[in-house]
């Protein structure tokens, strides 16, 4: 999806109808349940995502990212911290796509 804004928009509109592989749709379905009904998550949900090709480690990572974003969103709402403007997210996304999470300030941390 990197570099394809229209595909990202289609996924955000409805991942079920977006032109992405079924494997990715299965992950989005799993995360949708994690996000909205985590207490109702069952072995069958995990088995379906694994049958689509996702490892337990990948599912663990997806659950962790989903949970962290929920935490951050609640923290931001409760503390009154303001969200970044859309342009700042675009710049940050470009940087992450090109360089990842490695610091690029000349230091060797």
N, C-alpha and C. Protein backbone atom coordinates (compact mmCIF):
# COMPACT_ATOMS: atom_id res chain seq x y z
N UNK A 1 0.81 -1.19 0.00
CA UNK A 1 0.00 0.00 0.00
C UNK A 1 0.86 1.26 0.00
N UNK A 2 2.14 1.10 0.35
CA UNK A 2 3.01 2.26 0.37
C UNK A 2 3.04 2.93 -0.99
N UNK A 3 2.85 4.23 -0.97
CA UNK A 3 2.89 4.99 -2.21
C UNK A 3 1.61 4.98 -3.01
N UNK A 4 0.57 4.33 -2.53
CA UNK A 4 -0.68 4.25 -3.27
C UNK A 4 -1.80 4.82 -2.41
N UNK A 5 -1.93 6.13 -2.43
CA UNK A 5 -2.91 6.82 -1.58
C UNK A 5 -4.34 6.37 -1.86
N UNK A 6 -4.66 6.11 -3.13
CA UNK A 6 -6.04 5.71 -3.46
C UNK A 6 -6.35 4.33 -2.87
N UNK A 7 -5.36 3.46 -2.81
CA UNK A 7 -5.58 2.15 -2.20
C UNK A 7 -5.76 2.29 -0.69
N UNK A 8 -4.95 3.13 -0.07
CA UNK A 8 -5.11 3.38 1.37
C UNK A 8 -6.50 3.93 1.65
N UNK A 9 -6.93 4.90 0.84
CA UNK A 9 -8.28 5.47 1.02
C UNK A 9 -9.36 4.40 0.85
N UNK A 10 -9.18 3.50 -0.11
CA UNK A 10 -10.16 2.42 -0.33
C UNK A 10 -10.22 1.49 0.87
N UNK A 11 -9.07 1.19 1.45
CA UNK A 11 -9.03 0.33 2.64
C UNK A 11 -9.71 1.02 3.81
N UNK A 12 -9.44 2.31 3.97
CA UNK A 12 -10.07 3.05 5.06
C UNK A 12 -11.58 3.16 4.86
N UNK A 13 -12.00 3.25 3.61
CA UNK A 13 -13.44 3.31 3.30
C UNK A 13 -14.11 1.98 3.67
N UNK A 14 -13.55 0.88 3.18
CA UNK A 14 -14.08 -0.46 3.49
C UNK A 14 -13.06 -1.50 3.01
N UNK A 15 -12.32 -2.05 3.95
CA UNK A 15 -11.28 -3.02 3.58
C UNK A 15 -11.86 -4.24 2.87
N UNK A 16 -13.13 -4.53 3.13
CA UNK A 16 -13.75 -5.72 2.52
C UNK A 16 -13.87 -5.62 1.00
N UNK A 17 -14.03 -4.39 0.50
CA UNK A 17 -14.19 -4.19 -0.95
C UNK A 17 -12.94 -3.61 -1.61
N UNK A 18 -11.92 -3.30 -0.81
CA UNK A 18 -10.69 -2.73 -1.36
C UNK A 18 -9.93 -3.80 -2.16
N UNK A 19 -9.14 -3.35 -3.10
CA UNK A 19 -8.36 -4.25 -3.97
C UNK A 19 -7.08 -4.67 -3.26
N UNK A 20 -7.24 -5.42 -2.17
CA UNK A 20 -6.11 -5.96 -1.43
C UNK A 20 -6.27 -7.48 -1.35
N UNK A 21 -5.19 -8.19 -1.12
CA UNK A 21 -5.28 -9.65 -1.04
C UNK A 21 -6.19 -10.12 0.10
N UNK A 22 -6.79 -11.29 -0.08
CA UNK A 22 -7.65 -11.86 0.95
C UNK A 22 -6.91 -12.03 2.27
N UNK A 23 -5.61 -12.29 2.19
CA UNK A 23 -4.79 -12.45 3.39
C UNK A 23 -4.84 -11.17 4.23
N UNK A 24 -4.71 -10.02 3.59
CA UNK A 24 -4.77 -8.75 4.31
C UNK A 24 -6.18 -8.47 4.82
N UNK A 25 -7.18 -8.82 4.04
CA UNK A 25 -8.56 -8.65 4.50
C UNK A 25 -8.81 -9.46 5.76
N UNK A 26 -8.24 -10.66 5.83
CA UNK A 26 -8.39 -11.50 7.01
C UNK A 26 -7.77 -10.84 8.24
N UNK A 27 -6.62 -10.20 8.05
CA UNK A 27 -5.98 -9.51 9.17
C UNK A 27 -6.82 -8.32 9.62
N UNK A 28 -7.33 -7.54 8.66
CA UNK A 28 -8.18 -6.42 9.04
C UNK A 28 -9.45 -6.88 9.75
N UNK A 29 -10.01 -7.99 9.32
CA UNK A 29 -11.19 -8.54 9.99
C UNK A 29 -10.85 -8.93 11.43
N UNK A 30 -9.71 -9.56 11.60
CA UNK A 30 -9.26 -9.96 12.94
C UNK A 30 -9.07 -8.72 13.82
N UNK A 31 -8.38 -7.72 13.31
CA UNK A 31 -8.11 -6.51 14.09
C UNK A 31 -9.39 -5.73 14.37
N UNK A 32 -10.33 -5.77 13.44
CA UNK A 32 -11.62 -5.12 13.68
C UNK A 32 -12.29 -5.73 14.92
N UNK A 33 -12.21 -7.04 15.05
CA UNK A 33 -12.80 -7.70 16.21
C UNK A 33 -11.99 -7.38 17.47
N UNK A 34 -10.67 -7.39 17.36
CA UNK A 34 -9.83 -7.02 18.49
C UNK A 34 -10.20 -5.62 18.97
N UNK A 35 -10.37 -4.70 18.05
CA UNK A 35 -10.64 -3.31 18.38
C UNK A 35 -12.04 -3.11 18.96
N UNK A 36 -13.02 -3.79 18.43
CA UNK A 36 -14.40 -3.53 18.85
C UNK A 36 -15.01 -4.54 19.80
N UNK A 37 -14.49 -5.75 19.79
CA UNK A 37 -15.09 -6.81 20.62
C UNK A 37 -14.02 -7.73 21.21
N UNK A 38 -12.97 -7.14 21.78
CA UNK A 38 -11.85 -7.95 22.24
C UNK A 38 -12.26 -9.01 23.26
N UNK A 39 -13.27 -8.74 24.05
CA UNK A 39 -13.70 -9.73 25.05
C UNK A 39 -14.43 -10.91 24.40
N UNK A 40 -14.81 -10.77 23.13
CA UNK A 40 -15.50 -11.86 22.42
C UNK A 40 -14.59 -12.60 21.45
N UNK A 41 -13.30 -12.27 21.47
CA UNK A 41 -12.33 -12.95 20.61
C UNK A 41 -12.23 -14.42 21.01
N UNK A 42 -12.28 -15.29 20.02
CA UNK A 42 -12.26 -16.73 20.27
C UNK A 42 -11.15 -17.39 19.47
N UNK A 43 -10.87 -18.62 19.82
CA UNK A 43 -9.86 -19.41 19.12
C UNK A 43 -10.16 -19.46 17.62
N UNK A 44 -11.42 -19.52 17.26
CA UNK A 44 -11.81 -19.58 15.85
C UNK A 44 -11.36 -18.33 15.09
N UNK A 45 -11.37 -17.18 15.76
CA UNK A 45 -10.92 -15.94 15.13
C UNK A 45 -9.42 -16.02 14.83
N UNK A 46 -8.68 -16.52 15.78
CA UNK A 46 -7.23 -16.68 15.60
C UNK A 46 -6.95 -17.73 14.53
N UNK A 47 -7.68 -18.81 14.58
CA UNK A 47 -7.49 -19.87 13.58
C UNK A 47 -7.78 -19.37 12.17
N UNK A 48 -8.79 -18.52 12.01
CA UNK A 48 -9.12 -17.98 10.69
C UNK A 48 -7.99 -17.10 10.17
N UNK A 49 -7.43 -16.26 11.03
CA UNK A 49 -6.32 -15.40 10.62
C UNK A 49 -5.09 -16.24 10.30
N UNK A 50 -4.85 -17.27 11.08
CA UNK A 50 -3.70 -18.16 10.81
C UNK A 50 -3.91 -18.92 9.51
N UNK A 51 -5.13 -19.33 9.24
CA UNK A 51 -5.43 -20.04 7.99
C UNK A 51 -5.19 -19.14 6.77
N UNK A 52 -5.31 -17.83 6.96
CA UNK A 52 -5.06 -16.87 5.87
C UNK A 52 -3.57 -16.61 5.68
N UNK A 53 -2.75 -17.17 6.57
CA UNK A 53 -1.31 -17.04 6.40
C UNK A 53 -0.59 -16.22 7.45
N UNK A 54 -1.26 -15.81 8.50
CA UNK A 54 -0.63 -14.99 9.53
C UNK A 54 -0.12 -15.87 10.66
N UNK A 55 1.08 -15.62 11.11
CA UNK A 55 1.68 -16.39 12.21
C UNK A 55 1.17 -15.87 13.55
N UNK A 56 1.38 -16.65 14.58
CA UNK A 56 1.00 -16.20 15.92
C UNK A 56 1.77 -14.94 16.30
N UNK A 57 3.04 -14.87 15.90
CA UNK A 57 3.84 -13.69 16.19
C UNK A 57 3.26 -12.45 15.50
N UNK A 58 2.86 -12.59 14.25
CA UNK A 58 2.27 -11.46 13.52
C UNK A 58 0.96 -11.02 14.17
N UNK A 59 0.15 -11.97 14.60
CA UNK A 59 -1.11 -11.63 15.26
C UNK A 59 -0.85 -10.95 16.60
N UNK A 60 0.15 -11.43 17.33
CA UNK A 60 0.53 -10.81 18.59
C UNK A 60 0.94 -9.36 18.34
N UNK A 61 1.75 -9.14 17.31
CA UNK A 61 2.18 -7.78 16.97
C UNK A 61 0.99 -6.90 16.60
N UNK A 62 0.06 -7.45 15.81
CA UNK A 62 -1.12 -6.68 15.39
C UNK A 62 -1.99 -6.32 16.60
N UNK A 63 -2.17 -7.26 17.50
CA UNK A 63 -2.95 -6.99 18.72
C UNK A 63 -2.26 -5.89 19.54
N UNK A 64 -0.95 -5.98 19.65
CA UNK A 64 -0.19 -5.00 20.43
C UNK A 64 -0.31 -3.60 19.84
N UNK A 65 -0.17 -3.49 18.52
CA UNK A 65 -0.30 -2.19 17.86
C UNK A 65 -1.71 -1.64 18.06
N UNK A 66 -2.71 -2.47 17.89
CA UNK A 66 -4.09 -2.04 18.07
C UNK A 66 -4.32 -1.54 19.50
N UNK A 67 -3.84 -2.29 20.48
CA UNK A 67 -4.00 -1.90 21.88
C UNK A 67 -3.27 -0.61 22.20
N UNK A 68 -2.06 -0.45 21.67
CA UNK A 68 -1.31 0.78 21.92
C UNK A 68 -2.00 2.00 21.32
N UNK A 69 -2.54 1.85 20.11
CA UNK A 69 -3.24 2.99 19.51
C UNK A 69 -4.50 3.33 20.30
N UNK A 70 -5.19 2.33 20.82
CA UNK A 70 -6.34 2.61 21.68
C UNK A 70 -5.90 3.37 22.93
N UNK A 71 -4.80 2.95 23.53
CA UNK A 71 -4.26 3.64 24.70
C UNK A 71 -3.91 5.09 24.35
N UNK A 72 -3.16 5.27 23.27
CA UNK A 72 -2.74 6.62 22.89
C UNK A 72 -3.95 7.52 22.62
N UNK A 73 -4.94 7.00 21.92
CA UNK A 73 -6.12 7.80 21.62
C UNK A 73 -6.85 8.21 22.90
N UNK A 74 -7.00 7.31 23.84
CA UNK A 74 -7.67 7.64 25.10
C UNK A 74 -6.84 8.64 25.90
N UNK A 75 -5.51 8.46 25.91
CA UNK A 75 -4.62 9.38 26.62
C UNK A 75 -4.73 10.78 26.02
N UNK A 76 -4.69 10.86 24.70
CA UNK A 76 -4.80 12.15 24.02
C UNK A 76 -6.14 12.81 24.33
N UNK A 77 -7.22 12.04 24.27
CA UNK A 77 -8.54 12.60 24.57
C UNK A 77 -8.61 13.11 26.01
N UNK A 78 -8.10 12.34 26.95
CA UNK A 78 -8.22 12.69 28.36
C UNK A 78 -7.30 13.83 28.78
N UNK A 79 -6.16 13.97 28.14
CA UNK A 79 -5.21 15.01 28.54
C UNK A 79 -5.37 16.30 27.75
N UNK A 80 -6.12 16.25 26.66
CA UNK A 80 -6.31 17.44 25.85
C UNK A 80 -5.17 17.72 24.89
N UNK A 81 -4.27 16.76 24.75
CA UNK A 81 -3.18 16.93 23.78
C UNK A 81 -3.80 17.01 22.40
N UNK A 82 -3.32 17.95 21.61
CA UNK A 82 -3.89 18.13 20.28
C UNK A 82 -3.25 17.18 19.28
N UNK A 83 -4.07 16.73 18.36
CA UNK A 83 -3.62 15.86 17.28
C UNK A 83 -2.78 16.66 16.30
N UNK A 84 -1.89 15.97 15.58
CA UNK A 84 -1.10 16.65 14.54
C UNK A 84 -2.00 16.94 13.34
N UNK A 85 -1.69 17.98 12.58
CA UNK A 85 -2.44 18.22 11.35
C UNK A 85 -2.13 17.13 10.31
N UNK A 86 -3.02 16.94 9.37
CA UNK A 86 -2.87 15.89 8.35
C UNK A 86 -1.54 16.00 7.61
N UNK A 87 -1.09 17.22 7.35
CA UNK A 87 0.18 17.41 6.63
C UNK A 87 1.36 16.85 7.42
N UNK A 88 1.31 16.99 8.74
CA UNK A 88 2.40 16.45 9.57
C UNK A 88 2.40 14.92 9.53
N UNK A 89 1.23 14.31 9.50
CA UNK A 89 1.16 12.85 9.37
C UNK A 89 1.74 12.41 8.02
N UNK A 90 1.46 13.17 6.98
CA UNK A 90 1.98 12.83 5.65
C UNK A 90 3.50 12.88 5.64
N UNK A 91 4.08 13.91 6.24
CA UNK A 91 5.54 14.04 6.30
C UNK A 91 6.12 12.91 7.14
N UNK A 92 5.50 12.62 8.26
CA UNK A 92 5.97 11.53 9.12
C UNK A 92 5.88 10.18 8.40
N UNK A 93 4.80 9.97 7.67
CA UNK A 93 4.64 8.73 6.91
C UNK A 93 5.70 8.56 5.84
N UNK A 94 6.03 9.66 5.15
CA UNK A 94 7.09 9.62 4.15
C UNK A 94 8.43 9.25 4.79
N UNK A 95 8.72 9.89 5.93
CA UNK A 95 9.98 9.61 6.61
C UNK A 95 10.05 8.15 7.04
N UNK A 96 8.96 7.65 7.62
CA UNK A 96 8.94 6.26 8.06
C UNK A 96 9.05 5.29 6.88
N UNK A 97 8.37 5.61 5.78
CA UNK A 97 8.44 4.74 4.59
C UNK A 97 9.85 4.69 4.03
N UNK A 98 10.56 5.82 4.09
CA UNK A 98 11.90 5.89 3.50
C UNK A 98 13.01 5.43 4.44
N UNK A 99 12.83 5.69 5.76
CA UNK A 99 13.94 5.44 6.69
C UNK A 99 13.58 4.53 7.86
N UNK A 100 12.31 4.23 8.07
CA UNK A 100 11.92 3.42 9.22
C UNK A 100 12.04 4.22 10.50
N UNK A 101 12.28 3.53 11.60
CA UNK A 101 12.33 4.16 12.92
C UNK A 101 13.76 4.44 13.38
N UNK A 102 14.70 4.44 12.47
CA UNK A 102 16.10 4.69 12.80
C UNK A 102 16.33 6.19 12.91
N UNK A 103 17.01 6.64 13.98
CA UNK A 103 17.28 8.07 14.08
C UNK A 103 18.22 8.54 12.98
N UNK A 104 17.98 9.71 12.44
CA UNK A 104 18.79 10.24 11.33
C UNK A 104 19.33 11.62 11.66
N UNK A 105 19.82 11.76 12.90
CA UNK A 105 20.36 13.05 13.32
C UNK A 105 21.88 13.04 13.39
N UNK A 106 22.51 12.00 12.83
CA UNK A 106 23.97 11.91 12.83
C UNK A 106 24.51 11.16 14.03
N UNK A 107 23.66 10.88 15.00
CA UNK A 107 24.15 10.14 16.17
C UNK A 107 24.13 8.64 15.90
N UNK A 108 24.81 7.91 16.72
CA UNK A 108 24.87 6.45 16.56
C UNK A 108 24.26 5.75 17.75
N UNK A 109 23.19 6.30 18.28
CA UNK A 109 22.52 5.74 19.46
C UNK A 109 22.38 4.27 19.41
